[in-house]
Structure formats: structure tokens, C-alpha cells
Amino acid sequence: MTNNMEENYNKLSENEIKNELIKVKGWTINKNKLTKTFEFRDFEDAFTFMTRIAMEVEKMNHHPEWFNIYNKVKIELTTHDVNGISNFDFKLAKIINDIEQRM
């Protein structure tokens, strides 16, 4: 499957995942998903964060699984089309980390 960026989703091997994981601060692998929990000052900041992410994921056509409880946002990334973690999950993790840094 391709997305708007004209690039294919590529399922990553365990070694590729380990190599990419080093590049995305704070992310871990849990149940075959790239996972990170973010904590903010309050609900408004958490929601603002989610809104900024939403604009980026629409451009990529690659959407996270996420959960919000008050000031916490838990994000899980996986690519259902390849039944695992793909190059796009790591691209999105980097974008999400950048958004967090700018807040």
C-alpha cells in the first residue's frame, strides 16, 4: 500500500526496529507496537498536542492508536497493512517527538 508521500510501507525486521528505536527518544516496543506516553500540564495542553499530531497524520495518511486521560496521551504505532512495525511508524514517532519539543 502507498500513501500520499508516494512511498511504500515496509515492515521492519527485529534488527531494523532495534536500530530505529535508538533514534526516537522515549519510545519502546510493547506488544509489537511502538509506544510512548506523554504527560502535559493539563488537558488543554494534551488536546493541543493531539490536534497538532492529527494535522500531520492526515498528510501522511498514517494514523496512531491513542488514548487520552486528562493530561496524559498514550500513543501506539503499528502498521496494520504489514501486520507489524513499519518505516512509517518510526517516521511518525519522529514527527510526534518534534511536536512535543515545540510545545
Protein backbone atom coordinates (compact mmCIF):
# COMPACT_ATOMS: atom_id res chain seq x y z
CA MET A 1 0.00 0.00 0.00
CA THR A 2 1.17 3.54 -0.66
CA ASN A 3 0.26 6.77 0.99
CA ASN A 4 0.29 10.41 -0.06
CA MET A 5 4.07 10.54 0.20
CA GLU A 6 4.40 8.01 -2.68
CA GLU A 7 6.44 5.68 -0.52
CA ASN A 8 5.64 2.10 0.42
CA TYR A 9 5.09 0.79 3.90
CA ASN A 10 7.94 -1.58 4.71
CA LYS A 11 7.66 -3.99 7.62
CA LEU A 12 10.85 -3.78 9.66
CA SER A 13 12.83 -6.73 10.98
CA GLU A 14 13.70 -7.01 14.67
CA ASN A 15 17.21 -5.69 13.96
CA GLU A 16 15.85 -2.76 11.95
CA ILE A 17 13.44 -1.95 14.78
CA LYS A 18 16.29 -2.02 17.33
CA ASN A 19 18.36 0.31 15.14
CA GLU A 20 15.48 2.76 14.63
CA LEU A 21 14.43 2.67 18.28
CA ILE A 22 17.72 4.31 19.25
CA LYS A 23 16.73 7.33 17.13
CA VAL A 24 13.36 8.02 18.81
CA LYS A 25 13.81 9.13 22.40
CA GLY A 26 11.38 7.67 24.90
CA TRP A 27 9.68 5.16 22.61
CA THR A 28 9.56 1.46 23.48
CA ILE A 29 8.17 -1.70 21.93
CA ASN A 30 5.15 -3.15 23.72
CA LYS A 31 3.02 -5.94 22.23
CA ASN A 32 4.51 -5.39 18.76
CA LYS A 33 3.68 -1.68 18.81
CA LEU A 34 5.91 1.38 19.06
CA THR A 35 4.66 3.04 22.27
CA LYS A 36 5.17 6.23 24.26
CA THR A 37 3.20 8.05 26.95
CA PHE A 38 3.35 11.85 27.08
CA GLU A 39 2.39 13.92 30.11
CA PHE A 40 1.36 17.56 29.97
CA ARG A 41 0.43 20.33 32.37
CA ASP A 42 -3.30 19.88 31.82
CA PHE A 43 -5.99 18.59 29.47
CA GLU A 44 -5.79 21.63 27.20
CA ASP A 45 -2.09 21.04 26.50
CA ALA A 46 -2.71 17.33 25.91
CA PHE A 47 -5.53 18.11 23.49
CA THR A 48 -3.43 20.74 21.68
CA PHE A 49 -0.70 18.12 21.26
CA MET A 50 -3.17 15.65 19.81
CA THR A 51 -4.56 18.28 17.43
CA ARG A 52 -1.10 19.10 16.10
CA ILE A 53 -0.41 15.41 15.57
CA ALA A 54 -3.75 14.96 13.80
CA MET A 55 -2.80 17.52 11.15
CA GLU A 56 0.47 15.68 10.43
CA VAL A 57 -1.03 12.19 10.33
CA GLU A 58 -3.61 13.28 7.79
CA LYS A 59 -0.79 14.42 5.49
CA MET A 60 0.88 11.02 5.89
CA ASN A 61 -2.35 9.03 5.85
CA HIS A 62 -0.87 7.01 8.71
CA HIS A 63 -2.86 7.17 11.92
CA PRO A 64 -1.89 6.33 15.51
CA GLU A 65 -3.78 4.39 18.11
CA TRP A 66 -4.00 6.79 21.03
CA PHE A 67 -5.60 7.19 24.40
CA ASN A 68 -6.11 10.40 26.35
CA ILE A 69 -6.85 10.66 30.04
CA TYR A 70 -6.74 14.24 31.32
CA ASN A 71 -3.10 15.35 30.90
CA LYS A 72 -1.70 12.08 29.55
CA VAL A 73 -1.60 10.86 25.94
CA LYS A 74 -0.52 7.29 25.24
CA ILE A 75 0.37 6.64 21.61
CA GLU A 76 0.81 3.25 19.98
CA LEU A 77 2.10 2.94 16.43
CA THR A 78 1.79 -0.09 14.20
CA THR A 79 1.03 -0.64 10.55
CA HIS A 80 -1.95 -2.91 10.09
CA ASP A 81 -1.28 -3.24 6.34
CA VAL A 82 2.01 -5.05 7.04
CA ASN A 83 0.96 -6.65 10.33
CA GLY A 84 3.79 -5.08 12.31
CA ILE A 85 6.00 -2.06 12.78
CA SER A 86 6.94 -0.23 9.59
CA ASN A 87 9.16 2.59 8.42
CA PHE A 88 6.13 4.89 8.67
CA ASP A 89 5.71 4.18 12.39
CA PHE A 90 9.21 5.50 13.02
CA LYS A 91 8.68 8.50 10.73
CA LEU A 92 5.55 9.35 12.70
CA ALA A 93 7.32 8.82 16.05
CA LYS A 94 9.97 11.35 15.00
CA ILE A 95 7.30 13.86 13.97
CA ILE A 96 5.48 13.36 17.28
CA ASN A 97 8.70 13.90 19.26
CA ASP A 98 9.32 17.10 17.28
CA ILE A 99 5.80 18.34 18.06
CA GLU A 100 6.35 17.63 21.75
CA GLN A 101 9.65 19.56 21.69
CA ARG A 102 7.96 22.61 20.15
CA MET A 103 5.27 22.76 22.85
